[in-house]
Amino acid sequence: MSVPESTAVARTAVESLSVPTVLRRAASLAARAVRFVAFWLAALLPFSYLPLLATGLAATHQFAFGGLVGLNAVAFVMGHSHNTE
Protein backbone atom coordinates (compact mmCIF):
# COMPACT_ATOMS: atom_id res chain seq x y z
CA MET A 1 0.00 0.00 0.00
CA SER A 2 1.60 3.25 -1.09
CA VAL A 3 1.02 6.78 0.15
CA PRO A 4 -0.79 9.06 -2.32
CA GLU A 5 1.53 11.61 -3.90
CA SER A 6 -0.43 14.61 -2.62
CA THR A 7 -0.06 13.34 0.96
CA ALA A 8 3.68 12.84 0.48
CA VAL A 9 4.05 16.37 -0.91
CA ALA A 10 2.02 17.84 1.96
CA ARG A 11 4.12 15.94 4.51
CA THR A 12 7.34 17.20 2.87
CA ALA A 13 6.05 20.79 2.95
CA VAL A 14 5.22 20.52 6.65
CA GLU A 15 8.59 18.95 7.44
CA SER A 16 10.42 21.73 5.58
CA LEU A 17 8.67 24.33 7.76
CA SER A 18 9.57 22.73 11.09
CA VAL A 19 11.10 25.01 13.71
CA PRO A 20 14.60 23.46 13.66
CA THR A 21 14.72 23.71 9.88
CA VAL A 22 13.60 27.32 9.86
CA LEU A 23 16.11 28.21 12.59
CA ARG A 24 18.90 26.41 10.74
CA ARG A 25 18.09 28.30 7.54
CA ALA A 26 17.90 31.62 9.40
CA ALA A 27 21.24 30.98 11.10
CA SER A 28 22.82 30.08 7.77
CA LEU A 29 21.49 33.24 6.16
CA ALA A 30 22.69 35.38 9.07
CA ALA A 31 26.15 33.77 8.92
CA ARG A 32 26.38 34.48 5.19
CA ALA A 33 25.43 38.12 5.79
CA VAL A 34 28.05 38.49 8.54
CA ARG A 35 30.74 36.92 6.33
CA PHE A 36 29.78 39.24 3.45
CA VAL A 37 30.00 42.39 5.60
CA ALA A 38 33.21 41.23 7.29
CA PHE A 39 34.84 40.47 3.93
CA TRP A 40 34.14 43.91 2.51
CA LEU A 41 35.03 45.63 5.77
CA ALA A 42 38.37 43.84 5.78
CA ALA A 43 38.95 44.82 2.17
CA LEU A 44 38.01 48.50 2.48
CA LEU A 45 39.01 49.44 6.03
CA PRO A 46 42.74 49.80 5.23
CA PHE A 47 41.87 52.76 2.99
CA SER A 48 40.97 54.68 6.14
CA TYR A 49 44.54 54.26 7.44
CA LEU A 50 46.10 56.52 4.82
CA PRO A 51 44.36 59.77 5.83
CA LEU A 52 44.99 59.01 9.50
CA LEU A 53 48.66 58.42 8.87
CA ALA A 54 49.02 61.41 6.52
CA THR A 55 47.42 63.89 8.93
CA GLY A 56 49.18 62.58 12.01
CA LEU A 57 45.98 61.53 13.75
CA ALA A 58 47.30 57.99 14.08
CA ALA A 59 50.05 59.30 16.37
CA THR A 60 47.76 61.42 18.52
CA HIS A 61 44.93 58.89 18.70
CA GLN A 62 46.90 55.69 19.06
CA PHE A 63 44.14 53.79 20.87
CA ALA A 64 41.61 54.55 18.11
CA PHE A 65 44.09 53.64 15.38
CA GLY A 66 44.92 50.38 17.19
CA GLY A 67 41.20 49.68 17.41
CA LEU A 68 40.87 50.11 13.64
CA VAL A 69 43.74 47.71 13.05
CA GLY A 70 42.19 45.22 15.48
CA LEU A 71 38.79 45.57 13.81
CA ASN A 72 40.43 44.93 10.47
CA ALA A 73 42.06 41.76 11.81
CA VAL A 74 38.75 40.48 13.20
CA ALA A 75 36.96 41.30 9.94
CA PHE A 76 39.68 39.51 7.99
CA VAL A 77 39.26 36.33 10.02
CA MET A 78 35.45 36.42 9.95
CA GLY A 79 35.18 37.26 6.25
CA HIS A 80 37.86 34.83 5.10
CA SER A 81 35.41 32.15 4.00
CA HIS A 82 33.09 34.50 2.09
CA ASN A 83 32.10 33.20 -1.35
CA THR A 84 34.34 30.15 -1.34
CA GLU A 85 31.80 28.03 -3.29
C-alpha atoms as a PDB file:
ATOM      1  CA  MET A   1       0.000   0.000   0.000  1.00  0.00           C
ATOM      2  CA  SER A   2       1.596   3.247  -1.091  1.00  0.00           C
ATOM      3  CA  VAL A   3       1.017   6.782   0.146  1.00  0.00           C
ATOM      4  CA  PRO A   4      -0.793   9.060  -2.315  1.00  0.00           C
ATOM      5  CA  GLU A   5       1.527  11.605  -3.903  1.00  0.00           C
ATOM      6  CA  SER A   6      -0.428  14.611  -2.623  1.00  0.00           C
ATOM      7  CA  THR A   7      -0.058  13.343   0.955  1.00  0.00           C
ATOM      8  CA  ALA A   8       3.685  12.841   0.484  1.00  0.00           C
ATOM      9  CA  VAL A   9       4.053  16.374  -0.909  1.00  0.00           C
ATOM     10  CA  ALA A  10       2.021  17.836   1.963  1.00  0.00           C
ATOM     11  CA  ARG A  11       4.117  15.939   4.507  1.00  0.00           C
ATOM     12  CA  THR A  12       7.341  17.199   2.875  1.00  0.00           C
ATOM     13  CA  ALA A  13       6.047  20.785   2.954  1.00  0.00           C
ATOM     14  CA  VAL A  14       5.218  20.518   6.650  1.00  0.00           C
ATOM     15  CA  GLU A  15       8.589  18.953   7.445  1.00  0.00           C
ATOM     16  CA  SER A  16      10.421  21.728   5.581  1.00  0.00           C
ATOM     17  CA  LEU A  17       8.672  24.325   7.758  1.00  0.00           C
ATOM     18  CA  SER A  18       9.568  22.734  11.086  1.00  0.00           C
ATOM     19  CA  VAL A  19      11.097  25.011  13.712  1.00  0.00           C
ATOM     20  CA  PRO A  20      14.604  23.460  13.665  1.00  0.00           C
ATOM     21  CA  THR A  21      14.719  23.705   9.878  1.00  0.00           C
ATOM     22  CA  VAL A  22      13.603  27.323   9.857  1.00  0.00           C
ATOM     23  CA  LEU A  23      16.106  28.206  12.592  1.00  0.00           C
ATOM     24  CA  ARG A  24      18.898  26.410  10.740  1.00  0.00           C
ATOM     25  CA  ARG A  25      18.095  28.299   7.539  1.00  0.00           C
ATOM     26  CA  ALA A  26      17.896  31.622   9.403  1.00  0.00           C
ATOM     27  CA  ALA A  27      21.238  30.976  11.098  1.00  0.00           C
ATOM     28  CA  SER A  28      22.818  30.076   7.767  1.00  0.00           C
ATOM     29  CA  LEU A  29      21.487  33.235   6.157  1.00  0.00           C
ATOM     30  CA  ALA A  30      22.694  35.379   9.067  1.00  0.00           C
ATOM     31  CA  ALA A  31      26.147  33.771   8.920  1.00  0.00           C
ATOM     32  CA  ARG A  32      26.378  34.480   5.188  1.00  0.00           C
ATOM     33  CA  ALA A  33      25.429  38.124   5.789  1.00  0.00           C
ATOM     34  CA  VAL A  34      28.049  38.488   8.537  1.00  0.00           C
ATOM     35  CA  ARG A  35      30.741  36.920   6.333  1.00  0.00           C
ATOM     36  CA  PHE A  36      29.785  39.243   3.451  1.00  0.00           C
ATOM     37  CA  VAL A  37      30.001  42.385   5.596  1.00  0.00           C
ATOM     38  CA  ALA A  38      33.205  41.226   7.288  1.00  0.00           C
ATOM     39  CA  PHE A  39      34.836  40.471   3.929  1.00  0.00           C
ATOM     40  CA  TRP A  40      34.144  43.907   2.510  1.00  0.00           C
ATOM     41  CA  LEU A  41      35.028  45.633   5.771  1.00  0.00           C
ATOM     42  CA  ALA A  42      38.374  43.836   5.784  1.00  0.00           C
ATOM     43  CA  ALA A  43      38.947  44.822   2.165  1.00  0.00           C
ATOM     44  CA  LEU A  44      38.008  48.499   2.482  1.00  0.00           C
ATOM     45  CA  LEU A  45      39.011  49.443   6.033  1.00  0.00           C
ATOM     46  CA  PRO A  46      42.739  49.801   5.230  1.00  0.00           C
ATOM     47  CA  PHE A  47      41.872  52.759   2.990  1.00  0.00           C
ATOM     48  CA  SER A  48      40.972  54.684   6.136  1.00  0.00           C
ATOM     49  CA  TYR A  49      44.540  54.265   7.436  1.00  0.00           C
ATOM     50  CA  LEU A  50      46.103  56.521   4.825  1.00  0.00           C
ATOM     51  CA  PRO A  51      44.360  59.772   5.825  1.00  0.00           C
ATOM     52  CA  LEU A  52      44.986  59.010   9.505  1.00  0.00           C
ATOM     53  CA  LEU A  53      48.663  58.422   8.871  1.00  0.00           C
ATOM     54  CA  ALA A  54      49.021  61.414   6.522  1.00  0.00           C
ATOM     55  CA  THR A  55      47.415  63.894   8.929  1.00  0.00           C
ATOM     56  CA  GLY A  56      49.182  62.576  12.006  1.00  0.00           C
ATOM     57  CA  LEU A  57      45.982  61.534  13.749  1.00  0.00           C
ATOM     58  CA  ALA A  58      47.299  57.989  14.079  1.00  0.00           C
ATOM     59  CA  ALA A  59      50.050  59.298  16.366  1.00  0.00           C
ATOM     60  CA  THR A  60      47.763  61.422  18.517  1.00  0.00           C
ATOM     61  CA  HIS A  61      44.927  58.890  18.696  1.00  0.00           C
ATOM     62  CA  GLN A  62      46.900  55.694  19.064  1.00  0.00           C
ATOM     63  CA  PHE A  63      44.142  53.788  20.870  1.00  0.00           C
ATOM     64  CA  ALA A  64      41.608  54.551  18.109  1.00  0.00           C
ATOM     65  CA  PHE A  65      44.092  53.636  15.384  1.00  0.00           C
ATOM     66  CA  GLY A  66      44.917  50.379  17.185  1.00  0.00           C
ATOM     67  CA  GLY A  67      41.196  49.685  17.408  1.00  0.00           C
ATOM     68  CA  LEU A  68      40.872  50.111  13.643  1.00  0.00           C
ATOM     69  CA  VAL A  69      43.742  47.715  13.046  1.00  0.00           C
ATOM     70  CA  GLY A  70      42.191  45.218  15.481  1.00  0.00           C
ATOM     71  CA  LEU A  71      38.786  45.572  13.809  1.00  0.00           C
ATOM     72  CA  ASN A  72      40.433  44.928  10.471  1.00  0.00           C
ATOM     73  CA  ALA A  73      42.065  41.756  11.814  1.00  0.00           C
ATOM     74  CA  VAL A  74      38.754  40.476  13.200  1.00  0.00           C
ATOM     75  CA  ALA A  75      36.958  41.300   9.941  1.00  0.00           C
ATOM     76  CA  PHE A  76      39.679  39.513   7.986  1.00  0.00           C
ATOM     77  CA  VAL A  77      39.258  36.330  10.017  1.00  0.00           C
ATOM     78  CA  MET A  78      35.451  36.423   9.950  1.00  0.00           C
ATOM     79  CA  GLY A  79      35.182  37.262   6.249  1.00  0.00           C
ATOM     80  CA  HIS A  80      37.859  34.835   5.105  1.00  0.00           C
ATOM     81  CA  SER A  81      35.410  32.151   4.002  1.00  0.00           C
ATOM     82  CA  HIS A  82      33.092  34.499   2.094  1.00  0.00           C
ATOM     83  CA  ASN A  83      32.104  33.200  -1.350  1.00  0.00           C
ATOM     84  CA  THR A  84      34.341  30.148  -1.343  1.00  0.00           C
ATOM     85  CA  GLU A  85      31.804  28.034  -3.294  1.00  0.00           C
END
